[in-house]
Amino acid sequence: MIFFDIPYSPVQGAWSVDVSNGGHPEFKSRHDALRFAVNSALSAGQWGEAALITVEGVDGLWRMFDHQAKGVA
């Protein structure tokens, strides 16, 4: 399973996505980081890999989404 973690706050002015199978791409906006995570998770799903996107909210809680950006309980 591949995890894509997106923190609430940018690190040194750049939004990052921590990818569990390696990599730590940075983006100019949180929207771009989210778009990357969703597209990458969707691509992974098409290749038979399970993927989970976790996003930190303003309240400090992490929320989980599948490769289609649908919430996971």
PDB file of N, CA and C in Angstrom:
ATOM      1  N   MET A   1       0.842  -1.178   0.000  1.00  0.00           N
ATOM      2  CA  MET A   1       0.000   0.000   0.000  1.00  0.00           C
ATOM      3  C   MET A   1       0.887   1.242   0.000  1.00  0.00           C
ATOM      4  N   ILE A   2       0.478   2.214  -0.777  1.00  0.00           N
ATOM      5  CA  ILE A   2       1.205   3.480  -0.856  1.00  0.00           C
ATOM      6  C   ILE A   2       0.407   4.540  -0.096  1.00  0.00           C
ATOM      7  N   PHE A   3       1.102   5.301   0.753  1.00  0.00           N
ATOM      8  CA  PHE A   3       0.483   6.374   1.510  1.00  0.00           C
ATOM      9  C   PHE A   3       0.977   7.715   0.987  1.00  0.00           C
ATOM     10  N   PHE A   4       0.052   8.651   0.868  1.00  0.00           N
ATOM     11  CA  PHE A   4       0.370  10.025   0.487  1.00  0.00           C
ATOM     12  C   PHE A   4      -0.089  10.915   1.641  1.00  0.00           C
ATOM     13  N   ASP A   5       0.855  11.489   2.387  1.00  0.00           N
ATOM     14  CA  ASP A   5       0.534  12.313   3.547  1.00  0.00           C
ATOM     15  C   ASP A   5       0.728  13.781   3.224  1.00  0.00           C
ATOM     16  N   ILE A   6      -0.310  14.580   3.496  1.00  0.00           N
ATOM     17  CA  ILE A   6      -0.249  16.018   3.226  1.00  0.00           C
ATOM     18  C   ILE A   6      -0.517  16.755   4.538  1.00  0.00           C
ATOM     19  N   PRO A   7       0.505  17.419   5.094  1.00  0.00           N
ATOM     20  CA  PRO A   7       0.307  18.170   6.341  1.00  0.00           C
ATOM     21  C   PRO A   7      -0.496  19.447   6.094  1.00  0.00           C
ATOM     22  N   TYR A   8      -1.030  20.010   7.182  1.00  0.00           N
ATOM     23  CA  TYR A   8      -1.845  21.216   7.058  1.00  0.00           C
ATOM     24  C   TYR A   8      -1.006  22.441   6.680  1.00  0.00           C
ATOM     25  N   SER A   9       0.150  22.575   7.287  1.00  0.00           N
ATOM     26  CA  SER A   9       0.982  23.762   7.066  1.00  0.00           C
ATOM     27  C   SER A   9       2.119  23.474   6.101  1.00  0.00           C
ATOM     28  N   PRO A  10       2.480  24.476   5.308  1.00  0.00           N
ATOM     29  CA  PRO A  10       3.629  24.286   4.409  1.00  0.00           C
ATOM     30  C   PRO A  10       4.934  24.271   5.200  1.00  0.00           C
ATOM     31  N   VAL A  11       5.919  23.580   4.672  1.00  0.00           N
ATOM     32  CA  VAL A  11       7.240  23.526   5.285  1.00  0.00           C
ATOM     33  C   VAL A  11       8.147  24.470   4.498  1.00  0.00           C
ATOM     34  N   GLN A  12       8.657  25.476   5.149  1.00  0.00           N
ATOM     35  CA  GLN A  12       9.533  26.464   4.519  1.00  0.00           C
ATOM     36  C   GLN A  12       8.909  27.048   3.250  1.00  0.00           C
ATOM     37  N   GLY A  13       7.616  27.342   3.313  1.00  0.00           N
ATOM     38  CA  GLY A  13       6.935  27.991   2.201  1.00  0.00           C
ATOM     39  C   GLY A  13       6.453  27.083   1.086  1.00  0.00           C
ATOM     40  N   ALA A  14       6.712  25.792   1.165  1.00  0.00           N
ATOM     41  CA  ALA A  14       6.295  24.866   0.109  1.00  0.00           C
ATOM     42  C   ALA A  14       5.426  23.760   0.714  1.00  0.00           C
ATOM     43  N   TRP A  15       4.382  23.407   0.002  1.00  0.00           N
ATOM     44  CA  TRP A  15       3.523  22.304   0.426  1.00  0.00           C
ATOM     45  C   TRP A  15       4.165  21.005  -0.025  1.00  0.00           C
ATOM     46  N   SER A  16       4.220  20.051   0.865  1.00  0.00           N
ATOM     47  CA  SER A  16       4.873  18.791   0.521  1.00  0.00           C
ATOM     48  C   SER A  16       3.904  17.623   0.624  1.00  0.00           C
ATOM     49  N   VAL A  17       4.236  16.571  -0.096  1.00  0.00           N
ATOM     50  CA  VAL A  17       3.509  15.313  -0.017  1.00  0.00           C
ATOM     51  C   VAL A  17       4.541  14.257   0.349  1.00  0.00           C
ATOM     52  N   ASP A  18       4.358  13.633   1.499  1.00  0.00           N
ATOM     53  CA  ASP A  18       5.269  12.580   1.923  1.00  0.00           C
ATOM     54  C   ASP A  18       4.743  11.267   1.353  1.00  0.00           C
ATOM     55  N   VAL A  19       5.481  10.682   0.422  1.00  0.00           N
ATOM     56  CA  VAL A  19       5.065   9.459  -0.257  1.00  0.00           C
ATOM     57  C   VAL A  19       5.795   8.282   0.396  1.00  0.00           C
ATOM     58  N   SER A  20       5.039   7.283   0.825  1.00  0.00           N
ATOM     59  CA  SER A  20       5.614   6.181   1.601  1.00  0.00           C
ATOM     60  C   SER A  20       6.615   5.331   0.824  1.00  0.00           C
ATOM     61  N   ASN A  21       6.491   5.258  -0.488  1.00  0.00           N
ATOM     62  CA  ASN A  21       7.426   4.432  -1.255  1.00  0.00           C
ATOM     63  C   ASN A  21       8.608   5.253  -1.771  1.00  0.00           C
ATOM     64  N   GLY A  22       8.837   6.372  -1.144  1.00  0.00           N
ATOM     65  CA  GLY A  22       9.975   7.216  -1.517  1.00  0.00           C
ATOM     66  C   GLY A  22       9.508   8.497  -2.169  1.00  0.00           C
ATOM     67  N   GLY A  23      10.215   9.525  -1.918  1.00  0.00           N
ATOM     68  CA  GLY A  23       9.879  10.801  -2.528  1.00  0.00           C
ATOM     69  C   GLY A  23       9.232  11.757  -1.547  1.00  0.00           C
ATOM     70  N   HIS A  24       9.419  13.015  -1.827  1.00  0.00           N
ATOM     71  CA  HIS A  24       8.887  14.074  -0.986  1.00  0.00           C
ATOM     72  C   HIS A  24       8.701  15.313  -1.860  1.00  0.00           C
ATOM     73  N   PRO A  25       7.842  15.217  -2.900  1.00  0.00           N
ATOM     74  CA  PRO A  25       7.684  16.348  -3.810  1.00  0.00           C
ATOM     75  C   PRO A  25       7.084  17.565  -3.111  1.00  0.00           C
ATOM     76  N   GLU A  26       7.467  18.735  -3.569  1.00  0.00           N
ATOM     77  CA  GLU A  26       6.974  19.989  -3.011  1.00  0.00           C
ATOM     78  C   GLU A  26       6.209  20.775  -4.068  1.00  0.00           C
ATOM     79  N   PHE A  27       5.222  21.547  -3.616  1.00  0.00           N
ATOM     80  CA  PHE A  27       4.343  22.283  -4.514  1.00  0.00           C
ATOM     81  C   PHE A  27       4.133  23.697  -3.998  1.00  0.00           C
ATOM     82  N   LYS A  28       3.701  24.585  -4.895  1.00  0.00           N
ATOM     83  CA  LYS A  28       3.484  25.985  -4.537  1.00  0.00           C
ATOM     84  C   LYS A  28       2.205  26.204  -3.746  1.00  0.00           C
ATOM     85  N   SER A  29       1.246  25.272  -3.863  1.00  0.00           N
ATOM     86  CA  SER A  29      -0.019  25.429  -3.145  1.00  0.00           C
ATOM     87  C   SER A  29      -0.499  24.079  -2.605  1.00  0.00           C
ATOM     88  N   ARG A  30      -1.362  24.144  -1.605  1.00  0.00           N
ATOM     89  CA  ARG A  30      -1.929  22.921  -1.052  1.00  0.00           C
ATOM     90  C   ARG A  30      -2.809  22.239  -2.099  1.00  0.00           C
ATOM     91  N   HIS A  31      -3.479  23.030  -2.893  1.00  0.00           N
ATOM     92  CA  HIS A  31      -4.322  22.487  -3.957  1.00  0.00           C
ATOM     93  C   HIS A  31      -3.484  21.639  -4.932  1.00  0.00           C
ATOM     94  N   ASP A  32      -2.309  22.137  -5.301  1.00  0.00           N
ATOM     95  CA  ASP A  32      -1.425  21.377  -6.194  1.00  0.00           C
ATOM     96  C   ASP A  32      -0.951  20.091  -5.529  1.00  0.00           C
ATOM     97  N   ALA A  33      -0.666  20.160  -4.230  1.00  0.00           N
ATOM     98  CA  ALA A  33      -0.235  18.963  -3.496  1.00  0.00           C
ATOM     99  C   ALA A  33      -1.358  17.925  -3.462  1.00  0.00           C
ATOM    100  N   LEU A  34      -2.577  18.381  -3.214  1.00  0.00           N
ATOM    101  CA  LEU A  34      -3.726  17.471  -3.210  1.00  0.00           C
ATOM    102  C   LEU A  34      -3.971  16.860  -4.586  1.00  0.00           C
ATOM    103  N   ARG A  35      -3.849  17.689  -5.612  1.00  0.00           N
ATOM    104  CA  ARG A  35      -4.045  17.192  -6.984  1.00  0.00           C
ATOM    105  C   ARG A  35      -3.010  16.107  -7.304  1.00  0.00           C
ATOM    106  N   PHE A  36      -1.747  16.332  -6.926  1.00  0.00           N
ATOM    107  CA  PHE A  36      -0.702  15.339  -7.147  1.00  0.00           C
ATOM    108  C   PHE A  36      -1.036  14.030  -6.424  1.00  0.00           C
ATOM    109  N   ALA A  37      -1.436  14.133  -5.156  1.00  0.00           N
ATOM    110  CA  ALA A  37      -1.727  12.927  -4.367  1.00  0.00           C
ATOM    111  C   ALA A  37      -2.889  12.138  -4.969  1.00  0.00           C
ATOM    112  N   VAL A  38      -3.956  12.827  -5.359  1.00  0.00           N
ATOM    113  CA  VAL A  38      -5.114  12.145  -5.936  1.00  0.00           C
ATOM    114  C   VAL A  38      -4.746  11.494  -7.269  1.00  0.00           C
ATOM    115  N   ASN A  39      -4.053  12.236  -8.122  1.00  0.00           N
ATOM    116  CA  ASN A  39      -3.660  11.670  -9.428  1.00  0.00           C
ATOM    117  C   ASN A  39      -2.709  10.494  -9.258  1.00  0.00           C
ATOM    118  N   SER A  40      -1.768  10.604  -8.328  1.00  0.00           N
ATOM    119  CA  SER A  40      -0.813   9.511  -8.094  1.00  0.00           C
ATOM    120  C   SER A  40      -1.506   8.292  -7.505  1.00  0.00           C
ATOM    121  N   ALA A  41      -2.437   8.517  -6.579  1.00  0.00           N
ATOM    122  CA  ALA A  41      -3.173   7.403  -5.984  1.00  0.00           C
ATOM    123  C   ALA A  41      -4.063   6.724  -7.024  1.00  0.00           C
ATOM    124  N   LEU A  42      -4.680   7.514  -7.882  1.00  0.00           N
ATOM    125  CA  LEU A  42      -5.503   6.951  -8.954  1.00  0.00           C
ATOM    126  C   LEU A  42      -4.648   6.118  -9.907  1.00  0.00           C
ATOM    127  N   SER A  43      -3.491   6.629 -10.267  1.00  0.00           N
ATOM    128  CA  SER A  43      -2.569   5.900 -11.139  1.00  0.00           C
ATOM    129  C   SER A  43      -2.111   4.602 -10.483  1.00  0.00           C
ATOM    130  N   ALA A  44      -1.788   4.666  -9.193  1.00  0.00           N
ATOM    131  CA  ALA A  44      -1.370   3.463  -8.469  1.00  0.00           C
ATOM    132  C   ALA A  44      -2.485   2.426  -8.479  1.00  0.00           C
ATOM    133  N   GLY A  45      -3.732   2.883  -8.295  1.00  0.00           N
ATOM    134  CA  GLY A  45      -4.879   1.977  -8.312  1.00  0.00           C
ATOM    135  C   GLY A  45      -5.049   1.303  -9.657  1.00  0.00           C
ATOM    136  N   GLN A  46      -4.755   2.025 -10.730  1.00  0.00           N
ATOM    137  CA  GLN A  46      -4.863   1.445 -12.064  1.00  0.00           C
ATOM    138  C   GLN A  46      -3.799   0.376 -12.295  1.00  0.00           C
ATOM    139  N   TRP A  47      -2.693   0.461 -11.556  1.00  0.00           N
ATOM    140  CA  TRP A  47      -1.625  -0.538 -11.662  1.00  0.00           C
ATOM    141  C   TRP A  47      -1.767  -1.651 -10.631  1.00  0.00           C
ATOM    142  N   GLY A  48      -2.902  -1.656  -9.920  1.00  0.00           N
ATOM    143  CA  GLY A  48      -3.164  -2.718  -8.961  1.00  0.00           C
ATOM    144  C   GLY A  48      -2.615  -2.478  -7.571  1.00  0.00           C
ATOM    145  N   GLU A  49      -2.077  -1.299  -7.322  1.00  0.00           N
ATOM    146  CA  GLU A  49      -1.554  -0.947  -6.002  1.00  0.00           C
ATOM    147  C   GLU A  49      -2.657  -0.290  -5.180  1.00  0.00           C
ATOM    148  N   ALA A  50      -2.730  -0.616  -3.921  1.00  0.00           N
ATOM    149  CA  ALA A  50      -3.657   0.072  -3.028  1.00  0.00           C
ATOM    150  C   ALA A  50      -3.005   1.384  -2.596  1.00  0.00           C
ATOM    151  N   ALA A  51      -3.805   2.435  -2.494  1.00  0.00           N
ATOM    152  CA  ALA A  51      -3.268   3.742  -2.119  1.00  0.00           C
ATOM    153  C   ALA A  51      -4.216   4.429  -1.147  1.00  0.00           C
ATOM    154  N   LEU A  52      -3.643   5.195  -0.228  1.00  0.00           N
ATOM    155  CA  LEU A  52      -4.410   5.928   0.758  1.00  0.00           C
ATOM    156  C   LEU A  52      -3.824   7.326   0.877  1.00  0.00           C
ATOM    157  N   ILE A  53      -4.700   8.330   0.851  1.00  0.00           N
ATOM    158  CA  ILE A  53      -4.287   9.721   0.990  1.00  0.00           C
ATOM    159  C   ILE A  53      -4.693  10.178   2.383  1.00  0.00           C
ATOM    160  N   THR A  54      -3.753  10.714   3.154  1.00  0.00           N
ATOM    161  CA  THR A  54      -4.083  11.262   4.462  1.00  0.00           C
ATOM    162  C   THR A  54      -3.789  12.755   4.431  1.00  0.00           C
ATOM    163  N   VAL A  55      -4.760  13.529   4.931  1.00  0.00           N
ATOM    164  CA  VAL A  55      -4.671  14.978   4.893  1.00  0.00           C
ATOM    165  C   VAL A  55      -4.911  15.510   6.305  1.00  0.00           C
ATOM    166  N   GLU A  56      -3.990  16.354   6.774  1.00  0.00           N
ATOM    167  CA  GLU A  56      -4.140  16.959   8.095  1.00  0.00           C
ATOM    168  C   GLU A  56      -5.051  18.182   7.991  1.00  0.00           C
ATOM    169  N   GLY A  57      -6.034  18.254   8.874  1.00  0.00           N
ATOM    170  CA  GLY A  57      -6.947  19.390   8.891  1.00  0.00           C
ATOM    171  C   GLY A  57      -6.457  20.489   9.814  1.00  0.00           C
ATOM    172  N   VAL A  58      -7.125  21.627   9.775  1.00  0.00           N
ATOM    173  CA  VAL A  58      -6.776  22.769  10.618  1.00  0.00           C
ATOM    174  C   VAL A  58      -6.871  22.397  12.105  1.00  0.00           C
ATOM    175  N   ASP A  59      -7.693  21.402  12.431  1.00  0.00           N
ATOM    176  CA  ASP A  59      -7.863  20.963  13.813  1.00  0.00           C
ATOM    177  C   ASP A  59      -6.784  19.982  14.263  1.00  0.00           C
ATOM    178  N   GLY A  60      -5.846  19.668  13.379  1.00  0.00           N
ATOM    179  CA  GLY A  60      -4.759  18.750  13.724  1.00  0.00           C
ATOM    180  C   GLY A  60      -5.087  17.285  13.503  1.00  0.00           C
ATOM    181  N   LEU A  61      -6.319  16.983  13.133  1.00  0.00           N
ATOM    182  CA  LEU A  61      -6.715  15.592  12.879  1.00  0.00           C
ATOM    183  C   LEU A  61      -6.382  15.209  11.444  1.00  0.00           C
ATOM    184  N   TRP A  62      -5.953  13.957  11.282  1.00  0.00           N
ATOM    185  CA  TRP A  62      -5.643  13.434   9.951  1.00  0.00           C
ATOM    186  C   TRP A  62      -6.856  12.688   9.440  1.00  0.00           C
ATOM    187  N   ARG A  63      -7.225  12.964   8.196  1.00  0.00           N
ATOM    188  CA  ARG A  63      -8.358  12.313   7.570  1.00  0.00           C
ATOM    189  C   ARG A  63      -7.880  11.470   6.390  1.00  0.00           C
ATOM    190  N   MET A  64      -8.527  10.333   6.198  1.00  0.00           N
ATOM    191  CA  MET A  64      -8.102   9.395   5.165  1.00  0.00           C
ATOM    192  C   MET A  64      -9.053   9.413   3.977  1.00  0.00           C
ATOM    193  N   PHE A  65      -8.475   9.312   2.776  1.00  0.00           N
ATOM    194  CA  PHE A  65      -9.234   9.276   1.538  1.00  0.00           C
ATOM    195  C   PHE A  65      -8.667   8.189   0.643  1.00  0.00           C
ATOM    196  N   ASP A  66      -9.534   7.592  -0.162  1.00  0.00           N
ATOM    197  CA  ASP A  66      -9.069   6.576  -1.103  1.00  0.00           C
ATOM    198  C   ASP A  66      -8.571   7.242  -2.388  1.00  0.00           C
ATOM    199  N   HIS A  67      -8.262   6.430  -3.370  1.00  0.00           N
ATOM    200  CA  HIS A  67      -7.695   6.947  -4.621  1.00  0.00           C
ATOM    201  C   HIS A  67      -8.686   7.776  -5.438  1.00  0.00           C
ATOM    202  N   GLN A  68      -9.949   7.760  -5.052  1.00  0.00           N
ATOM    203  CA  GLN A  68     -10.958   8.574  -5.725  1.00  0.00           C
ATOM    204  C   GLN A  68     -11.312   9.801  -4.886  1.00  0.00           C
ATOM    205  N   ALA A  69     -10.516  10.075  -3.876  1.00  0.00           N
ATOM    206  CA  ALA A  69     -10.708  11.203  -2.953  1.00  0.00           C
ATOM    207  C   ALA A  69     -12.021  11.096  -2.176  1.00  0.00           C
ATOM    208  N   LYS A  70     -12.463   9.864  -1.932  1.00  0.00           N
ATOM    209  CA  LYS A  70     -13.655   9.630  -1.107  1.00  0.00           C
ATOM    210  C   LYS A  70     -13.193   9.285   0.297  1.00  0.00           C
ATOM    211  N   GLY A  71     -13.863   9.831   1.278  1.00  0.00           N
ATOM    212  CA  GLY A  71     -13.496   9.604   2.665  1.00  0.00           C
ATOM    213  C   GLY A  71     -13.535   8.131   3.042  1.00  0.00           C
ATOM    214  N   VAL A  72     -12.606   7.758   3.898  1.00  0.00           N
ATOM    215  CA  VAL A  72     -12.515   6.393   4.404  1.00  0.00           C
ATOM    216  C   VAL A  72     -12.763   6.454   5.903  1.00  0.00           C
ATOM    217  N   ALA A  73     -13.684   5.642   6.388  1.00  0.00           N
ATOM    218  CA  ALA A  73     -14.020   5.640   7.823  1.00  0.00           C
ATOM    219  C   ALA A  73     -12.979   4.919   8.630  1.00  0.00           C
TER     220      ALA A  73
END
